[in-house]
Amino acid sequence: MNVNVHSIHFDADVKLVGFIKEKLSKLTQFHDSILSGDVFLRLEHDGEKHENKVVEIRLAIPGSDLFAKRQGKSFEEAAINTVEALRSQVERTKERLRNAS
C-alpha cells in the first residue's frame, strides 16, 4: 500500500510519519486490496482545549474511498483513533463484498 503523509503548515517528524505508516499497514490484514492512503496532519486553533491535533485519512479501495477524521492531544493519539475508525469501515466493506458474492 502506498501511503502519502501531508503535514499542513508544519513539518512532520520522521518518527511520526513512520508511526502512522506502520499503523496504516496493519489495515491490510483486514482488506488485502487497499490501493493507497492519504494522510493529512493539521493543527487547529481550538481556544483553551488542547485537543487540537487533527488527523484525516482517506483510503483508496476498489469501488470506493473510505475516510475518517479524528482529533486528539497528540498526533499519535489522533492517528490511532483514526486508524481504528477506518478498521471498522474496512471490515464492514469486506463483509459487504463477501455477502454480495
C-alpha atoms as a PDB file:
ATOM      1  CA  MET A   1       0.000   0.000   0.000  1.00  0.00           C
ATOM      2  CA  ASN A   2       1.293   3.439  -0.943  1.00  0.00           C
ATOM      3  CA  VAL A   3       0.927   5.977   1.899  1.00  0.00           C
ATOM      4  CA  ASN A   4       1.331   9.735   1.410  1.00  0.00           C
ATOM      5  CA  VAL A   5       1.587  11.886   4.533  1.00  0.00           C
ATOM      6  CA  HIS A   6       0.856  15.605   4.160  1.00  0.00           C
ATOM      7  CA  SER A   7       1.525  17.907   7.096  1.00  0.00           C
ATOM      8  CA  ILE A   8      -0.238  21.207   6.611  1.00  0.00           C
ATOM      9  CA  HIS A   9       1.600  24.375   7.732  1.00  0.00           C
ATOM     10  CA  PHE A  10       4.318  22.453   9.620  1.00  0.00           C
ATOM     11  CA  ASP A  11       6.955  19.769   9.065  1.00  0.00           C
ATOM     12  CA  ALA A  12       6.086  16.366  10.491  1.00  0.00           C
ATOM     13  CA  ASP A  13       8.776  14.450  12.346  1.00  0.00           C
ATOM     14  CA  VAL A  14      10.184  11.352  10.625  1.00  0.00           C
ATOM     15  CA  LYS A  15       9.211   9.225  13.650  1.00  0.00           C
ATOM     16  CA  LEU A  16       5.598  10.435  13.434  1.00  0.00           C
ATOM     17  CA  VAL A  17       5.404   9.624   9.718  1.00  0.00           C
ATOM     18  CA  GLY A  18       6.866   6.172  10.366  1.00  0.00           C
ATOM     19  CA  PHE A  19       4.404   5.578  13.208  1.00  0.00           C
ATOM     20  CA  ILE A  20       1.426   6.478  11.009  1.00  0.00           C
ATOM     21  CA  LYS A  21       2.633   4.315   8.109  1.00  0.00           C
ATOM     22  CA  GLU A  22       3.131   1.377  10.477  1.00  0.00           C
ATOM     23  CA  LYS A  23      -0.400   1.714  11.881  1.00  0.00           C
ATOM     24  CA  LEU A  24      -1.922   2.011   8.398  1.00  0.00           C
ATOM     25  CA  SER A  25      -0.026  -1.007   7.089  1.00  0.00           C
ATOM     26  CA  LYS A  26      -1.834  -3.166   9.655  1.00  0.00           C
ATOM     27  CA  LEU A  27      -5.149  -2.460   7.877  1.00  0.00           C
ATOM     28  CA  THR A  28      -4.042  -4.755   5.042  1.00  0.00           C
ATOM     29  CA  GLN A  29      -4.757  -7.667   7.413  1.00  0.00           C
ATOM     30  CA  PHE A  30      -8.444  -6.832   7.141  1.00  0.00           C
ATOM     31  CA  HIS A  31      -8.654  -5.934   3.435  1.00  0.00           C
ATOM     32  CA  ASP A  32      -5.898  -7.028   1.078  1.00  0.00           C
ATOM     33  CA  SER A  33      -6.789  -4.780  -1.852  1.00  0.00           C
ATOM     34  CA  ILE A  34      -6.228  -1.360  -0.263  1.00  0.00           C
ATOM     35  CA  LEU A  35      -4.554   0.668  -3.001  1.00  0.00           C
ATOM     36  CA  SER A  36      -3.291   3.754  -1.189  1.00  0.00           C
ATOM     37  CA  GLY A  37      -3.735   6.037   1.760  1.00  0.00           C
ATOM     38  CA  ASP A  38      -3.570   9.815   2.024  1.00  0.00           C
ATOM     39  CA  VAL A  39      -2.926  11.196   5.494  1.00  0.00           C
ATOM     40  CA  PHE A  40      -3.410  14.861   6.353  1.00  0.00           C
ATOM     41  CA  LEU A  41      -1.987  16.229   9.617  1.00  0.00           C
ATOM     42  CA  ARG A  42      -3.234  19.603  10.757  1.00  0.00           C
ATOM     43  CA  LEU A  43      -3.166  21.847  13.814  1.00  0.00           C
ATOM     44  CA  GLU A  44      -6.452  23.552  14.636  1.00  0.00           C
ATOM     45  CA  HIS A  45      -6.826  26.504  16.938  1.00  0.00           C
ATOM     46  CA  ASP A  46      -9.485  25.458  19.405  1.00  0.00           C
ATOM     47  CA  GLY A  47      -9.148  28.038  22.140  1.00  0.00           C
ATOM     48  CA  GLU A  48      -8.415  26.625  25.586  1.00  0.00           C
ATOM     49  CA  LYS A  49      -8.767  22.940  24.745  1.00  0.00           C
ATOM     50  CA  HIS A  50      -5.545  21.214  23.829  1.00  0.00           C
ATOM     51  CA  GLU A  51      -7.049  18.556  21.572  1.00  0.00           C
ATOM     52  CA  ASN A  52      -6.005  20.469  18.505  1.00  0.00           C
ATOM     53  CA  LYS A  53      -4.083  17.819  16.548  1.00  0.00           C
ATOM     54  CA  VAL A  54      -6.225  16.606  13.641  1.00  0.00           C
ATOM     55  CA  VAL A  55      -5.568  13.500  11.540  1.00  0.00           C
ATOM     56  CA  GLU A  56      -7.572  12.816   8.379  1.00  0.00           C
ATOM     57  CA  ILE A  57      -7.045   9.608   6.411  1.00  0.00           C
ATOM     58  CA  ARG A  58      -8.537   8.661   3.049  1.00  0.00           C
ATOM     59  CA  LEU A  59      -8.064   5.051   1.919  1.00  0.00           C
ATOM     60  CA  ALA A  60      -8.488   4.151  -1.726  1.00  0.00           C
ATOM     61  CA  ILE A  61     -10.004   0.719  -2.224  1.00  0.00           C
ATOM     62  CA  PRO A  62     -11.536  -0.686  -5.409  1.00  0.00           C
ATOM     63  CA  GLY A  63     -15.049   0.685  -5.789  1.00  0.00           C
ATOM     64  CA  SER A  64     -14.913   3.492  -3.245  1.00  0.00           C
ATOM     65  CA  ASP A  65     -12.851   5.534  -0.802  1.00  0.00           C
ATOM     66  CA  LEU A  66     -13.002   5.308   2.975  1.00  0.00           C
ATOM     67  CA  PHE A  67     -12.483   8.408   5.101  1.00  0.00           C
ATOM     68  CA  ALA A  68     -12.032   9.107   8.796  1.00  0.00           C
ATOM     69  CA  LYS A  69     -11.079  12.202  10.770  1.00  0.00           C
ATOM     70  CA  ARG A  70     -10.224  12.355  14.466  1.00  0.00           C
ATOM     71  CA  GLN A  71      -8.529  14.826  16.758  1.00  0.00           C
ATOM     72  CA  GLY A  72      -6.604  14.412  19.975  1.00  0.00           C
ATOM     73  CA  LYS A  73      -3.987  15.814  22.316  1.00  0.00           C
ATOM     74  CA  SER A  74      -1.202  14.301  20.206  1.00  0.00           C
ATOM     75  CA  PHE A  75      -0.900  13.248  16.598  1.00  0.00           C
ATOM     76  CA  GLU A  76      -0.187   9.686  17.736  1.00  0.00           C
ATOM     77  CA  GLU A  77      -3.431   9.526  19.738  1.00  0.00           C
ATOM     78  CA  ALA A  78      -5.436  11.011  16.857  1.00  0.00           C
ATOM     79  CA  ALA A  79      -3.781   8.641  14.367  1.00  0.00           C
ATOM     80  CA  ILE A  80      -4.590   5.569  16.474  1.00  0.00           C
ATOM     81  CA  ASN A  81      -8.239   6.641  16.779  1.00  0.00           C
ATOM     82  CA  THR A  82      -8.479   7.397  13.049  1.00  0.00           C
ATOM     83  CA  VAL A  83      -6.962   4.053  12.044  1.00  0.00           C
ATOM     84  CA  GLU A  84      -9.337   2.281  14.430  1.00  0.00           C
ATOM     85  CA  ALA A  85     -12.315   4.030  12.817  1.00  0.00           C
ATOM     86  CA  LEU A  86     -11.027   3.005   9.389  1.00  0.00           C
ATOM     87  CA  ARG A  87     -10.516  -0.577  10.561  1.00  0.00           C
ATOM     88  CA  SER A  88     -14.221  -0.910  11.336  1.00  0.00           C
ATOM     89  CA  GLN A  89     -15.105   0.657   7.965  1.00  0.00           C
ATOM     90  CA  VAL A  90     -12.743  -1.741   6.179  1.00  0.00           C
ATOM     91  CA  GLU A  91     -14.263  -4.729   7.983  1.00  0.00           C
ATOM     92  CA  ARG A  92     -17.807  -3.625   7.058  1.00  0.00           C
ATOM     93  CA  THR A  93     -16.784  -3.093   3.429  1.00  0.00           C
ATOM     94  CA  LYS A  94     -15.131  -6.508   3.278  1.00  0.00           C
ATOM     95  CA  GLU A  95     -18.237  -8.114   4.817  1.00  0.00           C
ATOM     96  CA  ARG A  96     -20.488  -6.446   2.221  1.00  0.00           C
ATOM     97  CA  LEU A  97     -18.256  -7.766  -0.558  1.00  0.00           C
ATOM     98  CA  ARG A  98     -18.477 -11.284   0.859  1.00  0.00           C
ATOM     99  CA  ASN A  99     -22.265 -11.098   1.140  1.00  0.00           C
ATOM    100  CA  ALA A 100     -22.649  -9.723  -2.401  1.00  0.00           C
ATOM    101  CA  SER A 101     -20.762 -12.682  -3.886  1.00  0.00           C
END
